Structure formats: structure tokens, C-alpha cells
Amino acid sequence: MGKLVVILLLLSAVLAGAGIWWTNTRAFYAPVEGPVTLTLSKDGDLTTLPATGVQAIASTSSPLGFRACFAHDLTLSEIPFDPAPDAAPTVAPGWFDCFDAEAIAALIASGEAQAAVAYENVAYGVDRIVALTDSQGWVWHQLNECGERAYDGTPVGRACPDRDTYQPLIEGSL
């Protein structure tokens, strides 16, 4: 009887662990179907990026779960953008092979890639950030100043959009 209890406990632990792993890496992510809005912001004006081979995923539980990879044929010198000095790509699920946050961060740190604001307030308090080399691009979402304030309880101030009338970006709408 004791062996049966131990086996059931171990089996329960393995199944719970597998469920937690699946939930964290698979359950809340889905490929983005349809067009993905890939722009760059320069002084409030948006420029559409001529992207090819776009692969994108989004989390159903958080706007911060968006990741995308693409190719382009522009050189960094001809792209107007507002730099994102605090750009920090975050880890994507392991199965989304084209997005390696550590490698992207290293490219930004070395100057081989430039990080820019792609779209401000894609969701309330969340900016879309793009990192570009001369042939590749990666996109992720990260909290902006309004988001950091809103989620830590600090008053957001007048510079932030009105939360009651705010409209988030709908993919492919631009």
C-alpha cells in the first residue's frame, strides 16, 4: 500500500510539473494571424517598415507577451526613428526560435543593432520596441513610464493617456 501511495504522489508531481511547464511556455501564446503592424515612430509620425518573412506570437494573458521577427532591405542610416535607450528584450518561449533575447541585447549593446520606439502605447502603458540590423528586425513590448507608474501605484500624471478613453492598437489597422 505504501508503494502505491509513493507512486501516486510521484505521478501527481510529474503531471503537475508538466502542466505548469506547458502553461508557462505554450498555453498563453498563439501565432499572430494576419498582418502585424510594423512601424517606426519619429517625432510622433509613423513610418511603415517594409518587412518580409514576419513571424509573430502574442500572449493572450498580457500585452507584454508580443514577439516578432522579420527581414528587411533597409540600411540603418536611412531609417528615421526615435531611439529607445532603455530597450531590453525579454525572453520568448523556447519554441519561438527566431527571437533570442540575449543575442538581441548583445547586438544592441555592441551597436550592431539599433533599438527604436515602433509604436507608443500599443496597449495602455506598453510601447512596441523594434531592434534593427541592416537586414533583420525583432519586436517586443515593454512597459513605458506611464505603464510603470500605473502598475506600481504611482499617480500617472498628465503626460499619460486617459485610461477611460484610451484605444489600443488593433494589429494591421495602420
C-alpha atoms as a PDB file:
ATOM      1  CA  MET A   1       0.000   0.000   0.000  1.00  0.00           C
ATOM      2  CA  GLY A   2       2.867   2.396   0.855  1.00  0.00           C
ATOM      3  CA  LYS A   3       4.498   1.864  -2.551  1.00  0.00           C
ATOM      4  CA  LEU A   4       1.234   2.681  -4.295  1.00  0.00           C
ATOM      5  CA  VAL A   5       0.920   5.950  -2.366  1.00  0.00           C
ATOM      6  CA  VAL A   6       4.513   6.930  -3.225  1.00  0.00           C
ATOM      7  CA  ILE A   7       3.939   6.097  -6.907  1.00  0.00           C
ATOM      8  CA  LEU A   8       0.717   8.137  -6.967  1.00  0.00           C
ATOM      9  CA  LEU A   9       2.451  11.090  -5.298  1.00  0.00           C
ATOM     10  CA  LEU A  10       5.361  10.964  -7.757  1.00  0.00           C
ATOM     11  CA  LEU A  11       2.998  10.633 -10.723  1.00  0.00           C
ATOM     12  CA  SER A  12       0.962  13.589  -9.439  1.00  0.00           C
ATOM     13  CA  ALA A  13       4.139  15.679  -9.067  1.00  0.00           C
ATOM     14  CA  VAL A  14       5.303  14.832 -12.596  1.00  0.00           C
ATOM     15  CA  LEU A  15       1.881  15.631 -14.080  1.00  0.00           C
ATOM     16  CA  ALA A  16       1.666  18.908 -12.139  1.00  0.00           C
ATOM     17  CA  GLY A  17       5.169  19.882 -13.282  1.00  0.00           C
ATOM     18  CA  ALA A  18       4.310  19.079 -16.907  1.00  0.00           C
ATOM     19  CA  GLY A  19       1.127  21.117 -16.610  1.00  0.00           C
ATOM     20  CA  ILE A  20       2.972  24.113 -15.180  1.00  0.00           C
ATOM     21  CA  TRP A  21       5.646  23.895 -17.899  1.00  0.00           C
ATOM     22  CA  TRP A  22       3.023  23.676 -20.655  1.00  0.00           C
ATOM     23  CA  THR A  23       1.040  26.567 -19.196  1.00  0.00           C
ATOM     24  CA  ASN A  24       4.101  28.828 -18.973  1.00  0.00           C
ATOM     25  CA  THR A  25       5.555  28.037 -22.386  1.00  0.00           C
ATOM     26  CA  ARG A  26       2.628  27.130 -24.624  1.00  0.00           C
ATOM     27  CA  ALA A  27      -0.843  27.780 -23.258  1.00  0.00           C
ATOM     28  CA  PHE A  28      -0.914  31.566 -23.374  1.00  0.00           C
ATOM     29  CA  TYR A  29       0.939  32.115 -26.671  1.00  0.00           C
ATOM     30  CA  ALA A  30      -0.501  31.919 -30.158  1.00  0.00           C
ATOM     31  CA  PRO A  31       0.808  32.872 -33.592  1.00  0.00           C
ATOM     32  CA  VAL A  32      -0.456  36.236 -34.795  1.00  0.00           C
ATOM     33  CA  GLU A  33      -2.709  35.585 -37.761  1.00  0.00           C
ATOM     34  CA  GLY A  34      -2.988  38.284 -40.390  1.00  0.00           C
ATOM     35  CA  PRO A  35      -0.958  41.456 -40.755  1.00  0.00           C
ATOM     36  CA  VAL A  36       1.339  42.669 -37.985  1.00  0.00           C
ATOM     37  CA  THR A  37       1.720  46.426 -37.543  1.00  0.00           C
ATOM     38  CA  LEU A  38       5.416  47.179 -38.017  1.00  0.00           C
ATOM     39  CA  THR A  39       6.134  50.891 -37.876  1.00  0.00           C
ATOM     40  CA  LEU A  40       8.759  53.262 -36.567  1.00  0.00           C
ATOM     41  CA  SER A  41       7.925  56.433 -34.683  1.00  0.00           C
ATOM     42  CA  LYS A  42       9.824  59.664 -35.369  1.00  0.00           C
ATOM     43  CA  ASP A  43       8.516  62.736 -33.555  1.00  0.00           C
ATOM     44  CA  GLY A  44       5.042  61.183 -33.477  1.00  0.00           C
ATOM     45  CA  ASP A  45       4.968  60.358 -37.200  1.00  0.00           C
ATOM     46  CA  LEU A  46       4.770  56.680 -38.127  1.00  0.00           C
ATOM     47  CA  THR A  47       6.764  55.096 -40.947  1.00  0.00           C
ATOM     48  CA  THR A  48       5.794  51.597 -42.065  1.00  0.00           C
ATOM     49  CA  LEU A  49       8.673  49.133 -42.207  1.00  0.00           C
ATOM     50  CA  PRO A  50       8.953  47.097 -45.419  1.00  0.00           C
ATOM     51  CA  ALA A  51       9.158  43.776 -43.611  1.00  0.00           C
ATOM     52  CA  THR A  52       9.240  40.316 -45.147  1.00  0.00           C
ATOM     53  CA  GLY A  53       9.091  36.871 -43.570  1.00  0.00           C
ATOM     54  CA  VAL A  54       7.288  38.146 -40.492  1.00  0.00           C
ATOM     55  CA  GLN A  55       6.840  35.622 -37.673  1.00  0.00           C
ATOM     56  CA  ALA A  56       4.920  36.845 -34.635  1.00  0.00           C
ATOM     57  CA  ILE A  57       3.398  35.486 -31.454  1.00  0.00           C
ATOM     58  CA  ALA A  58       1.257  37.157 -28.833  1.00  0.00           C
ATOM     59  CA  SER A  59       0.249  36.229 -25.341  1.00  0.00           C
ATOM     60  CA  THR A  60      -3.436  36.051 -24.585  1.00  0.00           C
ATOM     61  CA  SER A  61      -2.788  36.930 -20.942  1.00  0.00           C
ATOM     62  CA  SER A  62      -0.566  40.035 -21.235  1.00  0.00           C
ATOM     63  CA  PRO A  63       0.301  42.684 -23.821  1.00  0.00           C
ATOM     64  CA  LEU A  64       3.957  42.185 -22.831  1.00  0.00           C
ATOM     65  CA  GLY A  65       3.926  38.725 -24.440  1.00  0.00           C
ATOM     66  CA  PHE A  66       4.237  40.010 -28.025  1.00  0.00           C
ATOM     67  CA  ARG A  67       7.354  38.993 -30.006  1.00  0.00           C
ATOM     68  CA  ALA A  68       8.101  39.205 -33.724  1.00  0.00           C
ATOM     69  CA  CYS A  69      10.982  38.597 -36.110  1.00  0.00           C
ATOM     70  CA  PHE A  70      11.315  39.778 -39.699  1.00  0.00           C
ATOM     71  CA  ALA A  71      13.703  40.616 -42.514  1.00  0.00           C
ATOM     72  CA  HIS A  72      14.020  43.948 -44.322  1.00  0.00           C
ATOM     73  CA  ASP A  73      16.142  45.530 -47.036  1.00  0.00           C
ATOM     74  CA  LEU A  74      16.879  48.929 -45.467  1.00  0.00           C
ATOM     75  CA  THR A  75      20.149  50.174 -44.051  1.00  0.00           C
ATOM     76  CA  LEU A  76      20.151  51.666 -40.558  1.00  0.00           C
ATOM     77  CA  SER A  77      21.365  55.038 -41.839  1.00  0.00           C
ATOM     78  CA  GLU A  78      18.204  55.553 -43.941  1.00  0.00           C
ATOM     79  CA  ILE A  79      15.688  54.729 -41.214  1.00  0.00           C
ATOM     80  CA  PRO A  80      14.246  57.660 -39.220  1.00  0.00           C
ATOM     81  CA  PHE A  81      13.342  56.675 -35.661  1.00  0.00           C
ATOM     82  CA  ASP A  82      13.074  57.760 -32.043  1.00  0.00           C
ATOM     83  CA  PRO A  83      15.759  55.801 -30.176  1.00  0.00           C
ATOM     84  CA  ALA A  84      14.768  53.603 -27.258  1.00  0.00           C
ATOM     85  CA  PRO A  85      17.768  53.853 -24.914  1.00  0.00           C
ATOM     86  CA  ASP A  86      16.175  51.616 -22.279  1.00  0.00           C
ATOM     87  CA  ALA A  87      15.280  48.846 -24.733  1.00  0.00           C
ATOM     88  CA  ALA A  88      15.533  45.479 -23.042  1.00  0.00           C
ATOM     89  CA  PRO A  89      14.280  42.455 -24.976  1.00  0.00           C
ATOM     90  CA  THR A  90      12.707  39.853 -22.760  1.00  0.00           C
ATOM     91  CA  VAL A  91      12.836  36.097 -23.135  1.00  0.00           C
ATOM     92  CA  ALA A  92      10.450  34.473 -25.591  1.00  0.00           C
ATOM     93  CA  PRO A  93       9.223  30.893 -25.309  1.00  0.00           C
ATOM     94  CA  GLY A  94      11.957  28.444 -26.298  1.00  0.00           C
ATOM     95  CA  TRP A  95       9.945  27.139 -29.242  1.00  0.00           C
ATOM     96  CA  PHE A  96       9.888  30.617 -30.880  1.00  0.00           C
ATOM     97  CA  ASP A  97      13.333  30.085 -32.386  1.00  0.00           C
ATOM     98  CA  CYS A  98      13.820  33.364 -34.242  1.00  0.00           C
ATOM     99  CA  PHE A  99      13.760  35.513 -31.066  1.00  0.00           C
ATOM    100  CA  ASP A 100      16.826  35.172 -28.831  1.00  0.00           C
ATOM    101  CA  ALA A 101      16.614  37.986 -26.257  1.00  0.00           C
ATOM    102  CA  GLU A 102      20.229  37.627 -25.086  1.00  0.00           C
ATOM    103  CA  ALA A 103      21.610  37.752 -28.632  1.00  0.00           C
ATOM    104  CA  ILE A 104      19.425  40.759 -29.498  1.00  0.00           C
ATOM    105  CA  ALA A 105      20.539  42.578 -26.337  1.00  0.00           C
ATOM    106  CA  ALA A 106      24.179  41.858 -27.254  1.00  0.00           C
ATOM    107  CA  LEU A 107      23.640  43.272 -30.767  1.00  0.00           C
ATOM    108  CA  ILE A 108      22.126  46.436 -29.268  1.00  0.00           C
ATOM    109  CA  ALA A 109      24.965  46.766 -26.734  1.00  0.00           C
ATOM    110  CA  SER A 110      27.619  46.364 -29.446  1.00  0.00           C
ATOM    111  CA  GLY A 111      25.948  48.890 -31.745  1.00  0.00           C
ATOM    112  CA  GLU A 112      25.283  46.317 -34.474  1.00  0.00           C
ATOM    113  CA  ALA A 113      21.551  46.818 -33.873  1.00  0.00           C
ATOM    114  CA  GLN A 114      19.632  49.985 -33.103  1.00  0.00           C
ATOM    115  CA  ALA A 115      16.579  49.924 -30.836  1.00  0.00           C
ATOM    116  CA  ALA A 116      13.695  52.266 -31.519  1.00  0.00           C
ATOM    117  CA  VAL A 117      10.175  53.011 -30.439  1.00  0.00           C
ATOM    118  CA  ALA A 118       7.970  51.377 -33.034  1.00  0.00           C
ATOM    119  CA  TYR A 119       4.596  52.411 -31.624  1.00  0.00           C
ATOM    120  CA  GLU A 120       3.849  54.263 -28.386  1.00  0.00           C
ATOM    121  CA  ASN A 121       1.099  52.898 -26.165  1.00  0.00           C
ATOM    122  CA  VAL A 122       0.295  49.856 -28.279  1.00  0.00           C
ATOM    123  CA  ALA A 123      -1.575  48.859 -25.125  1.00  0.00           C
ATOM    124  CA  TYR A 124      -2.051  51.176 -22.159  1.00  0.00           C
ATOM    125  CA  GLY A 125       1.396  51.835 -20.693  1.00  0.00           C
ATOM    126  CA  VAL A 126       3.126  49.494 -23.144  1.00  0.00           C
ATOM    127  CA  ASP A 127       5.328  50.514 -26.088  1.00  0.00           C
ATOM    128  CA  ARG A 128       6.231  48.369 -29.080  1.00  0.00           C
ATOM    129  CA  ILE A 129      10.031  48.355 -29.445  1.00  0.00           C
ATOM    130  CA  VAL A 130      11.924  47.289 -32.547  1.00  0.00           C
ATOM    131  CA  ALA A 131      15.602  46.408 -32.857  1.00  0.00           C
ATOM    132  CA  LEU A 132      17.089  46.568 -36.343  1.00  0.00           C
ATOM    133  CA  THR A 133      20.297  45.487 -38.002  1.00  0.00           C
ATOM    134  CA  ASP A 134      20.897  46.134 -41.705  1.00  0.00           C
ATOM    135  CA  SER A 135      18.871  43.046 -42.643  1.00  0.00           C
ATOM    136  CA  GLN A 136      16.907  41.755 -39.655  1.00  0.00           C
ATOM    137  CA  GLY A 137      14.462  43.066 -37.112  1.00  0.00           C
ATOM    138  CA  TRP A 138      12.943  41.937 -33.834  1.00  0.00           C
ATOM    139  CA  VAL A 139       9.971  43.371 -31.998  1.00  0.00           C
ATOM    140  CA  TRP A 140       8.762  43.119 -28.410  1.00  0.00           C
ATOM    141  CA  HIS A 141       6.609  45.059 -25.983  1.00  0.00           C
ATOM    142  CA  GLN A 142       7.858  46.701 -22.812  1.00  0.00           C
ATOM    143  CA  LEU A 143       6.396  48.989 -20.178  1.00  0.00           C
ATOM    144  CA  ASN A 144       6.823  52.707 -20.746  1.00  0.00           C
ATOM    145  CA  GLU A 145       6.923  55.340 -17.998  1.00  0.00           C
ATOM    146  CA  CYS A 146       3.118  55.521 -17.819  1.00  0.00           C
ATOM    147  CA  GLY A 147       2.871  51.745 -17.516  1.00  0.00           C
ATOM    148  CA  GLU A 148       5.480  51.571 -14.792  1.00  0.00           C
ATOM    149  CA  ARG A 149       3.637  54.247 -12.839  1.00  0.00           C
ATOM    150  CA  ALA A 150       0.196  52.761 -13.426  1.00  0.00           C
ATOM    151  CA  TYR A 151       1.216  49.296 -12.294  1.00  0.00           C
ATOM    152  CA  ASP A 152       3.253  50.324  -9.231  1.00  0.00           C
ATOM    153  CA  GLY A 153       0.503  52.586  -7.908  1.00  0.00           C
ATOM    154  CA  THR A 154       2.203  55.954  -8.502  1.00  0.00           C
ATOM    155  CA  PRO A 155      -0.097  58.653  -9.940  1.00  0.00           C
ATOM    156  CA  VAL A 156       0.387  58.603 -13.710  1.00  0.00           C
ATOM    157  CA  GLY A 157       0.203  62.346 -14.358  1.00  0.00           C
ATOM    158  CA  ARG A 158      -0.934  64.388 -17.345  1.00  0.00           C
ATOM    159  CA  ALA A 159       1.639  63.021 -19.814  1.00  0.00           C
ATOM    160  CA  CYS A 160      -0.100  59.634 -19.842  1.00  0.00           C
ATOM    161  CA  PRO A 161      -3.166  58.900 -21.964  1.00  0.00           C
ATOM    162  CA  ASP A 162      -6.571  58.969 -20.304  1.00  0.00           C
ATOM    163  CA  ARG A 163      -7.243  55.386 -19.335  1.00  0.00           C
ATOM    164  CA  ASP A 164     -11.029  55.704 -19.745  1.00  0.00           C
ATOM    165  CA  THR A 165     -10.865  56.858 -23.379  1.00  0.00           C
ATOM    166  CA  TYR A 166      -7.683  55.019 -24.425  1.00  0.00           C
ATOM    167  CA  GLN A 167      -7.922  52.850 -27.574  1.00  0.00           C
ATOM    168  CA  PRO A 168      -5.235  50.152 -28.046  1.00  0.00           C
ATOM    169  CA  LEU A 169      -3.677  49.310 -31.405  1.00  0.00           C
ATOM    170  CA  ILE A 170      -5.505  46.675 -33.424  1.00  0.00           C
ATOM    171  CA  GLU A 171      -2.979  44.641 -35.422  1.00  0.00           C
ATOM    172  CA  GLY A 172      -2.885  45.519 -39.093  1.00  0.00           C
ATOM    173  CA  SER A 173      -5.076  48.595 -38.669  1.00  0.00           C
ATOM    174  CA  LEU A 174      -2.474  51.117 -39.841  1.00  0.00           C
END
